[in-house]
C-alpha atoms as a PDB file:
ATOM      1  CA  UNK A   1     -12.243  -5.466  14.465  1.00  0.00           C
ATOM      2  CA  UNK A   2     -11.433  -8.792  15.323  1.00  0.00           C
ATOM      3  CA  UNK A   3      -7.988 -10.232  15.603  1.00  0.00           C
ATOM      4  CA  UNK A   4      -7.176 -13.530  16.734  1.00  0.00           C
ATOM      5  CA  UNK A   5      -3.626 -14.433  17.561  1.00  0.00           C
ATOM      6  CA  UNK A   6      -2.656 -18.221  18.296  1.00  0.00           C
ATOM      7  CA  UNK A   7       0.763 -18.739  20.039  1.00  0.00           C
ATOM      8  CA  UNK A   8       2.235 -20.807  22.997  1.00  0.00           C
ATOM      9  CA  UNK A   9       2.894 -17.198  24.886  1.00  0.00           C
ATOM     10  CA  UNK A  10      -0.357 -15.668  24.727  1.00  0.00           C
ATOM     11  CA  UNK A  11       0.356 -13.235  27.758  1.00  0.00           C
ATOM     12  CA  UNK A  12       3.258 -11.777  25.630  1.00  0.00           C
ATOM     13  CA  UNK A  13       0.725 -10.695  23.079  1.00  0.00           C
ATOM     14  CA  UNK A  14      -2.132  -9.904  25.496  1.00  0.00           C
ATOM     15  CA  UNK A  15      -0.032  -7.952  27.957  1.00  0.00           C
ATOM     16  CA  UNK A  16       1.493  -5.649  24.960  1.00  0.00           C
ATOM     17  CA  UNK A  17      -2.074  -5.075  23.553  1.00  0.00           C
ATOM     18  CA  UNK A  18      -3.410  -4.101  26.949  1.00  0.00           C
ATOM     19  CA  UNK A  19      -1.683  -0.766  27.114  1.00  0.00           C
ATOM     20  CA  UNK A  20      -2.074   2.862  25.613  1.00  0.00           C
ATOM     21  CA  UNK A  21      -3.847   3.102  22.451  1.00  0.00           C
ATOM     22  CA  UNK A  22      -4.547  -0.617  21.982  1.00  0.00           C
ATOM     23  CA  UNK A  23      -5.731  -1.179  25.600  1.00  0.00           C
ATOM     24  CA  UNK A  24      -8.305   1.896  25.086  1.00  0.00           C
ATOM     25  CA  UNK A  25      -9.307   0.361  21.660  1.00  0.00           C
ATOM     26  CA  UNK A  26     -10.080  -3.028  23.399  1.00  0.00           C
ATOM     27  CA  UNK A  27     -11.850  -1.472  26.165  1.00  0.00           C
ATOM     28  CA  UNK A  28     -14.211   0.554  23.832  1.00  0.00           C
ATOM     29  CA  UNK A  29     -14.862  -2.356  21.682  1.00  0.00           C
ATOM     30  CA  UNK A  30     -13.216  -1.112  18.665  1.00  0.00           C
ATOM     31  CA  UNK A  31     -10.567  -3.874  18.902  1.00  0.00           C
ATOM     32  CA  UNK A  32     -11.601  -7.741  19.635  1.00  0.00           C
ATOM     33  CA  UNK A  33      -8.253  -9.341  19.896  1.00  0.00           C
ATOM     34  CA  UNK A  34      -8.302 -12.624  21.208  1.00  0.00           C
ATOM     35  CA  UNK A  35      -5.146 -14.650  22.180  1.00  0.00           C
ATOM     36  CA  UNK A  36      -5.298 -18.666  21.880  1.00  0.00           C
ATOM     37  CA  UNK A  37      -2.891 -20.641  23.999  1.00  0.00           C
ATOM     38  CA  UNK A  38      -1.695 -23.610  21.563  1.00  0.00           C
ATOM     39  CA  UNK A  39      -0.760 -25.537  24.436  1.00  0.00           C
ATOM     40  CA  UNK A  40      -4.293 -26.230  25.797  1.00  0.00           C
ATOM     41  CA  UNK A  41      -4.932 -28.220  22.393  1.00  0.00           C
ATOM     42  CA  UNK A  42      -2.285 -30.834  23.188  1.00  0.00           C
ATOM     43  CA  UNK A  43      -3.021 -34.341  24.425  1.00  0.00           C
ATOM     44  CA  UNK A  44      -0.072 -35.215  26.499  1.00  0.00           C
ATOM     45  CA  UNK A  45       0.481 -34.441  30.276  1.00  0.00           C
ATOM     46  CA  UNK A  46       3.716 -32.303  29.318  1.00  0.00           C
ATOM     47  CA  UNK A  47       1.616 -30.226  26.876  1.00  0.00           C
ATOM     48  CA  UNK A  48       4.089 -30.828  23.990  1.00  0.00           C
ATOM     49  CA  UNK A  49       3.796 -28.557  20.965  1.00  0.00           C
ATOM     50  CA  UNK A  50       7.088 -29.642  19.114  1.00  0.00           C
ATOM     51  CA  UNK A  51       9.025 -32.860  18.066  1.00  0.00           C
ATOM     52  CA  UNK A  52      12.150 -33.683  16.084  1.00  0.00           C
ATOM     53  CA  UNK A  53      12.090 -33.202  12.278  1.00  0.00           C
ATOM     54  CA  UNK A  54      11.801 -36.265  10.002  1.00  0.00           C
ATOM     55  CA  UNK A  55      14.957 -36.753   8.295  1.00  0.00           C
ATOM     56  CA  UNK A  56      16.773 -35.285  11.048  1.00  0.00           C
ATOM     57  CA  UNK A  57      18.512 -31.959  11.432  1.00  0.00           C
ATOM     58  CA  UNK A  58      18.891 -29.395  14.090  1.00  0.00           C
ATOM     59  CA  UNK A  59      16.240 -27.787  16.372  1.00  0.00           C
ATOM     60  CA  UNK A  60      12.614 -28.972  16.886  1.00  0.00           C
ATOM     61  CA  UNK A  61       9.431 -28.374  14.722  1.00  0.00           C
ATOM     62  CA  UNK A  62       6.073 -27.369  16.117  1.00  0.00           C
ATOM     63  CA  UNK A  63       3.443 -30.233  15.411  1.00  0.00           C
ATOM     64  CA  UNK A  64       0.433 -29.736  13.311  1.00  0.00           C
ATOM     65  CA  UNK A  65      -2.035 -31.454  15.874  1.00  0.00           C
ATOM     66  CA  UNK A  66      -2.429 -28.745  18.582  1.00  0.00           C
ATOM     67  CA  UNK A  67      -2.179 -25.979  15.967  1.00  0.00           C
ATOM     68  CA  UNK A  68      -5.217 -27.489  13.801  1.00  0.00           C
ATOM     69  CA  UNK A  69      -7.364 -28.015  16.865  1.00  0.00           C
ATOM     70  CA  UNK A  70      -6.843 -24.715  18.457  1.00  0.00           C
ATOM     71  CA  UNK A  71      -7.597 -22.820  15.120  1.00  0.00           C
ATOM     72  CA  UNK A  72     -10.651 -25.189  14.554  1.00  0.00           C
ATOM     73  CA  UNK A  73     -11.949 -24.783  17.839  1.00  0.00           C
ATOM     74  CA  UNK A  74     -11.671 -20.855  17.781  1.00  0.00           C
ATOM     75  CA  UNK A  75     -13.334 -20.680  14.131  1.00  0.00           C
ATOM     76  CA  UNK A  76     -11.242 -17.510  13.882  1.00  0.00           C
ATOM     77  CA  UNK A  77     -11.685 -14.773  11.290  1.00  0.00           C
ATOM     78  CA  UNK A  78     -10.081 -15.394   7.940  1.00  0.00           C
ATOM     79  CA  UNK A  79      -7.438 -14.931   6.324  1.00  0.00           C
ATOM     80  CA  UNK A  80      -5.148 -16.590   8.903  1.00  0.00           C
ATOM     81  CA  UNK A  81      -1.651 -15.719   8.522  1.00  0.00           C
ATOM     82  CA  UNK A  82       1.594 -17.288   9.710  1.00  0.00           C
ATOM     83  CA  UNK A  83       4.176 -14.808  10.753  1.00  0.00           C
ATOM     84  CA  UNK A  84       7.412 -16.142   9.137  1.00  0.00           C
ATOM     85  CA  UNK A  85      10.528 -14.913   7.141  1.00  0.00           C
ATOM     86  CA  UNK A  86       8.975 -16.103   3.464  1.00  0.00           C
ATOM     87  CA  UNK A  87       5.955 -14.246   3.518  1.00  0.00           C
ATOM     88  CA  UNK A  88       4.801 -10.703   2.202  1.00  0.00           C
ATOM     89  CA  UNK A  89       6.780  -7.992   3.411  1.00  0.00           C
ATOM     90  CA  UNK A  90       4.448  -6.043   6.201  1.00  0.00           C
ATOM     91  CA  UNK A  91       4.448  -2.535   5.392  1.00  0.00           C
ATOM     92  CA  UNK A  92       2.049   0.545   5.788  1.00  0.00           C
ATOM     93  CA  UNK A  93       0.091  -0.483   2.463  1.00  0.00           C
ATOM     94  CA  UNK A  94      -0.683  -4.209   3.977  1.00  0.00           C
ATOM     95  CA  UNK A  95      -1.707  -2.482   6.954  1.00  0.00           C
ATOM     96  CA  UNK A  96      -4.346  -0.307   5.487  1.00  0.00           C
ATOM     97  CA  UNK A  97      -5.247  -3.411   3.528  1.00  0.00           C
ATOM     98  CA  UNK A  98      -5.875  -5.310   6.718  1.00  0.00           C
ATOM     99  CA  UNK A  99      -7.449  -2.540   8.303  1.00  0.00           C
ATOM    100  CA  UNK A 100      -9.996  -2.120   5.366  1.00  0.00           C
ATOM    101  CA  UNK A 101     -11.451  -5.350   6.719  1.00  0.00           C
ATOM    102  CA  UNK A 102     -12.795  -3.776   9.735  1.00  0.00           C
ATOM    103  CA  UNK A 103     -16.648  -3.943   8.664  1.00  0.00           C
ATOM    104  CA  UNK A 104     -19.255  -5.964  10.550  1.00  0.00           C
ATOM    105  CA  UNK A 105     -17.760  -9.640  10.870  1.00  0.00           C
ATOM    106  CA  UNK A 106     -14.383  -8.613   9.424  1.00  0.00           C
ATOM    107  CA  UNK A 107     -11.064  -9.234  10.824  1.00  0.00           C
ATOM    108  CA  UNK A 108      -7.942 -11.604  10.299  1.00  0.00           C
ATOM    109  CA  UNK A 109      -5.852 -14.016  12.349  1.00  0.00           C
ATOM    110  CA  UNK A 110      -2.100 -14.543  12.977  1.00  0.00           C
ATOM    111  CA  UNK A 111      -0.343 -17.617  13.777  1.00  0.00           C
ATOM    112  CA  UNK A 112       3.294 -17.200  15.735  1.00  0.00           C
ATOM    113  CA  UNK A 113       6.001 -19.865  15.022  1.00  0.00           C
ATOM    114  CA  UNK A 114       8.418 -20.913  17.795  1.00  0.00           C
ATOM    115  CA  UNK A 115      11.533 -23.233  17.379  1.00  0.00           C
ATOM    116  CA  UNK A 116      12.995 -24.317  14.088  1.00  0.00           C
ATOM    117  CA  UNK A 117       9.734 -23.620  12.341  1.00  0.00           C
ATOM    118  CA  UNK A 118       6.017 -25.150  11.793  1.00  0.00           C
ATOM    119  CA  UNK A 119       5.097 -28.692  10.033  1.00  0.00           C
ATOM    120  CA  UNK A 120       4.548 -27.744   6.638  1.00  0.00           C
ATOM    121  CA  UNK A 121       1.149 -29.230   6.621  1.00  0.00           C
ATOM    122  CA  UNK A 122       0.045 -26.385   8.540  1.00  0.00           C
ATOM    123  CA  UNK A 123       1.219 -23.942   5.985  1.00  0.00           C
ATOM    124  CA  UNK A 124      -0.382 -26.117   3.140  1.00  0.00           C
ATOM    125  CA  UNK A 125      -3.421 -26.707   4.579  1.00  0.00           C
ATOM    126  CA  UNK A 126      -4.504 -24.352   7.470  1.00  0.00           C
ATOM    127  CA  UNK A 127      -3.092 -21.079   6.689  1.00  0.00           C
ATOM    128  CA  UNK A 128      -4.153 -18.538   4.005  1.00  0.00           C
ATOM    129  CA  UNK A 129      -0.699 -16.630   3.559  1.00  0.00           C
ATOM    130  CA  UNK A 130       2.237 -15.647   5.396  1.00  0.00           C
ATOM    131  CA  UNK A 131       3.599 -12.240   6.433  1.00  0.00           C
ATOM    132  CA  UNK A 132       7.106 -11.264   7.391  1.00  0.00           C
ATOM    133  CA  UNK A 133       7.956  -8.223   9.258  1.00  0.00           C
ATOM    134  CA  UNK A 134      11.729  -7.969   7.884  1.00  0.00           C
ATOM    135  CA  UNK A 135      14.722  -9.556   7.060  1.00  0.00           C
ATOM    136  CA  UNK A 136      15.813 -10.574  10.919  1.00  0.00           C
ATOM    137  CA  UNK A 137      15.563 -13.387  12.888  1.00  0.00           C
ATOM    138  CA  UNK A 138      13.383 -13.721  16.070  1.00  0.00           C
ATOM    139  CA  UNK A 139      12.767 -16.298  18.712  1.00  0.00           C
ATOM    140  CA  UNK A 140       9.194 -16.475  17.768  1.00  0.00           C
ATOM    141  CA  UNK A 141       6.224 -14.572  15.907  1.00  0.00           C
ATOM    142  CA  UNK A 142       4.982 -12.927  19.026  1.00  0.00           C
ATOM    143  CA  UNK A 143       6.847  -9.424  18.722  1.00  0.00           C
ATOM    144  CA  UNK A 144       5.752  -9.674  14.996  1.00  0.00           C
ATOM    145  CA  UNK A 145       2.110 -10.147  16.112  1.00  0.00           C
ATOM    146  CA  UNK A 146       2.179  -7.064  18.327  1.00  0.00           C
ATOM    147  CA  UNK A 147       3.597  -4.967  15.483  1.00  0.00           C
ATOM    148  CA  UNK A 148       0.976  -6.068  13.086  1.00  0.00           C
ATOM    149  CA  UNK A 149      -1.915  -5.639  15.550  1.00  0.00           C
ATOM    150  CA  UNK A 150      -0.516  -1.902  16.438  1.00  0.00           C
ATOM    151  CA  UNK A 151      -0.068  -0.934  13.277  1.00  0.00           C
ATOM    152  CA  UNK A 152      -3.333  -2.098  11.975  1.00  0.00           C
ATOM    153  CA  UNK A 153      -5.358  -0.905  14.903  1.00  0.00           C
ATOM    154  CA  UNK A 154      -4.136   2.747  14.821  1.00  0.00           C
ATOM    155  CA  UNK A 155      -5.844   2.825  11.336  1.00  0.00           C
ATOM    156  CA  UNK A 156      -9.085   1.884  12.339  1.00  0.00           C
ATOM    157  CA  UNK A 157     -11.760   4.827  12.316  1.00  0.00           C
ATOM    158  CA  UNK A 158     -11.999   6.136  15.711  1.00  0.00           C
ATOM    159  CA  UNK A 159      -8.621   4.759  17.113  1.00  0.00           C
ATOM    160  CA  UNK A 160      -6.602   7.875  16.715  1.00  0.00           C
ATOM    161  CA  UNK A 161      -7.669  11.030  18.857  1.00  0.00           C
ATOM    162  CA  UNK A 162      -6.585  13.251  15.845  1.00  0.00           C
ATOM    163  CA  UNK A 163      -7.784  11.950  12.275  1.00  0.00           C
ATOM    164  CA  UNK A 164      -5.210  13.636  10.451  1.00  0.00           C
ATOM    165  CA  UNK A 165      -2.413  11.972  12.131  1.00  0.00           C
ATOM    166  CA  UNK A 166      -2.737   8.681  10.016  1.00  0.00           C
ATOM    167  CA  UNK A 167      -2.927  10.494   6.742  1.00  0.00           C
ATOM    168  CA  UNK A 168       0.038  12.993   7.376  1.00  0.00           C
ATOM    169  CA  UNK A 169       2.452  10.410   9.265  1.00  0.00           C
ATOM    170  CA  UNK A 170       5.312   8.679   7.612  1.00  0.00           C
ATOM    171  CA  UNK A 171       4.436   5.912   5.077  1.00  0.00           C
ATOM    172  CA  UNK A 172       1.091   7.781   4.620  1.00  0.00           C
ATOM    173  CA  UNK A 173      -0.447   8.511   1.302  1.00  0.00           C
ATOM    174  CA  UNK A 174       1.924  11.188   0.334  1.00  0.00           C
ATOM    175  CA  UNK A 175       4.639   8.200   0.411  1.00  0.00           C
ATOM    176  CA  UNK A 176       6.938  10.354   2.507  1.00  0.00           C
ATOM    177  CA  UNK A 177       8.971  10.201   5.838  1.00  0.00           C
ATOM    178  CA  UNK A 178       7.159  12.593   8.471  1.00  0.00           C
ATOM    179  CA  UNK A 179       8.609  15.916   9.161  1.00  0.00           C
ATOM    180  CA  UNK A 180      10.447  16.947  12.367  1.00  0.00           C
ATOM    181  CA  UNK A 181       8.389  17.943  15.307  1.00  0.00           C
ATOM    182  CA  UNK A 182       9.063  20.520  17.950  1.00  0.00           C
ATOM    183  CA  UNK A 183       7.309  21.469  21.557  1.00  0.00           C
ATOM    184  CA  UNK A 184       8.005  23.989  24.308  1.00  0.00           C
ATOM    185  CA  UNK A 185      10.187  25.362  25.287  1.00  0.00           C
ATOM    186  CA  UNK A 186      11.260  27.380  22.377  1.00  0.00           C
ATOM    187  CA  UNK A 187      14.642  27.620  23.280  1.00  0.00           C
ATOM    188  CA  UNK A 188      16.412  24.401  24.987  1.00  0.00           C
ATOM    189  CA  UNK A 189      20.253  24.711  25.852  1.00  0.00           C
ATOM    190  CA  UNK A 190      20.311  27.375  23.112  1.00  0.00           C
ATOM    191  CA  UNK A 191      18.647  25.020  20.175  1.00  0.00           C
ATOM    192  CA  UNK A 192      15.814  27.156  18.968  1.00  0.00           C
ATOM    193  CA  UNK A 193      12.631  26.012  17.202  1.00  0.00           C
ATOM    194  CA  UNK A 194      12.693  27.206  13.726  1.00  0.00           C
ATOM    195  CA  UNK A 195      11.083  30.584  13.402  1.00  0.00           C
ATOM    196  CA  UNK A 196       8.801  29.593  10.770  1.00  0.00           C
ATOM    197  CA  UNK A 197       6.750  27.412  13.164  1.00  0.00           C
ATOM    198  CA  UNK A 198       6.454  30.245  15.875  1.00  0.00           C
ATOM    199  CA  UNK A 199       5.109  32.886  13.275  1.00  0.00           C
ATOM    200  CA  UNK A 200       1.700  32.054  12.833  1.00  0.00           C
ATOM    201  CA  UNK A 201       1.595  31.780   8.742  1.00  0.00           C
ATOM    202  CA  UNK A 202      -0.041  28.561   8.382  1.00  0.00           C
ATOM    203  CA  UNK A 203       0.189  28.338   4.654  1.00  0.00           C
ATOM    204  CA  UNK A 204       4.117  29.017   5.182  1.00  0.00           C
ATOM    205  CA  UNK A 205       4.159  26.308   7.781  1.00  0.00           C
ATOM    206  CA  UNK A 206       2.417  23.789   5.824  1.00  0.00           C
ATOM    207  CA  UNK A 207       4.985  24.627   2.927  1.00  0.00           C
ATOM    208  CA  UNK A 208       8.066  24.168   5.536  1.00  0.00           C
ATOM    209  CA  UNK A 209       6.521  20.838   6.507  1.00  0.00           C
ATOM    210  CA  UNK A 210       6.190  19.264   3.102  1.00  0.00           C
ATOM    211  CA  UNK A 211       9.955  20.484   2.388  1.00  0.00           C
ATOM    212  CA  UNK A 212      11.172  19.208   5.676  1.00  0.00           C
ATOM    213  CA  UNK A 213       9.372  15.768   4.709  1.00  0.00           C
ATOM    214  CA  UNK A 214      10.964  15.846   1.331  1.00  0.00           C
ATOM    215  CA  UNK A 215      14.373  16.507   2.635  1.00  0.00           C
ATOM    216  CA  UNK A 216      14.323  13.657   5.163  1.00  0.00           C
ATOM    217  CA  UNK A 217      12.921  11.145   2.695  1.00  0.00           C
ATOM    218  CA  UNK A 218      15.453  12.114   0.160  1.00  0.00           C
ATOM    219  CA  UNK A 219      18.248  11.771   2.802  1.00  0.00           C
ATOM    220  CA  UNK A 220      17.024   8.580   4.492  1.00  0.00           C
ATOM    221  CA  UNK A 221      14.767   6.769   2.151  1.00  0.00           C
ATOM    222  CA  UNK A 222      15.428   7.840  -1.423  1.00  0.00           C
ATOM    223  CA  UNK A 223      13.857   4.884  -2.640  1.00  0.00           C
ATOM    224  CA  UNK A 224      10.412   6.106  -1.437  1.00  0.00           C
ATOM    225  CA  UNK A 225      10.877   9.429  -3.675  1.00  0.00           C
ATOM    226  CA  UNK A 226      11.544   6.945  -6.938  1.00  0.00           C
ATOM    227  CA  UNK A 227       8.555   4.869  -5.914  1.00  0.00           C
ATOM    228  CA  UNK A 228       6.401   7.779  -6.318  1.00  0.00           C
ATOM    229  CA  UNK A 229       7.960   8.933  -9.673  1.00  0.00           C
ATOM    230  CA  UNK A 230      10.519  11.496  -8.468  1.00  0.00           C
ATOM    231  CA  UNK A 231      10.259  15.217  -7.309  1.00  0.00           C
ATOM    232  CA  UNK A 232       7.594  17.489  -8.944  1.00  0.00           C
ATOM    233  CA  UNK A 233       8.684  20.906 -10.049  1.00  0.00           C
ATOM    234  CA  UNK A 234       6.867  22.537  -6.759  1.00  0.00           C
ATOM    235  CA  UNK A 235       8.827  20.060  -4.574  1.00  0.00           C
ATOM    236  CA  UNK A 236      12.165  21.109  -5.994  1.00  0.00           C
ATOM    237  CA  UNK A 237      11.198  24.783  -5.385  1.00  0.00           C
ATOM    238  CA  UNK A 238      10.516  23.916  -1.638  1.00  0.00           C
ATOM    239  CA  UNK A 239      13.612  22.175  -1.229  1.00  0.00           C
ATOM    240  CA  UNK A 240      15.488  25.104  -2.466  1.00  0.00           C
ATOM    241  CA  UNK A 241      13.019  27.573  -0.347  1.00  0.00           C
ATOM    242  CA  UNK A 242      13.792  25.769   3.112  1.00  0.00           C
ATOM    243  CA  UNK A 243      17.012  24.298   4.372  1.00  0.00           C
ATOM    244  CA  UNK A 244      16.773  20.866   5.901  1.00  0.00           C
ATOM    245  CA  UNK A 245      16.726  20.285   9.649  1.00  0.00           C
ATOM    246  CA  UNK A 246      19.669  18.326  10.639  1.00  0.00           C
ATOM    247  CA  UNK A 247      19.441  14.667  11.851  1.00  0.00           C
ATOM    248  CA  UNK A 248      21.968  12.250  13.175  1.00  0.00           C
END
């Protein structure tokens, strides 16, 4: 899958995406990530990408010329999304939609803003949409771009070592947060792994896992339970059968 990122700090994105799972996917060819430096398409000796806003006001605005020139030269996969506060909220469903574009010639592109904002003509005449990673202010779109790239890449067929992981984890098709996990030792400072996980009864273990996912979601994100239409009768039974593991 090809993903193009347009930014004035390409090394921020490229370095992050060279490690761990993303790095392996790039090495294998599963992910074709291309980071483009907007400053390379400026026309002055100072490589200026910003200017004062018309009408006055605080901050600087990213100029349209280098952005248009860079995008047009790269001929990136569409759609091109601006990373900004006014866009569609990025969530697992949107990550799945973007990952579904992985077929031959498929992909998408991201534009990272900086300063006070981007010349509106970029929004209107170049971008196909906007994505927001949440109600929080960042210095630029690079961190958001890394988040989008990672969330999408791990959903690509062959990216994860365990094909079940993307299905069973938080915000997966079940619409629940993931259950708690334990590994060795079974007894750490007197805190023991739940006996059900050590008994070898896989049907019982699966019931426990579903119950814990329900407990956690009800406590931390009850809106997710509401979004899936509430609890089924079986789920209510599971909640009674297994007490919740504590969380801070």
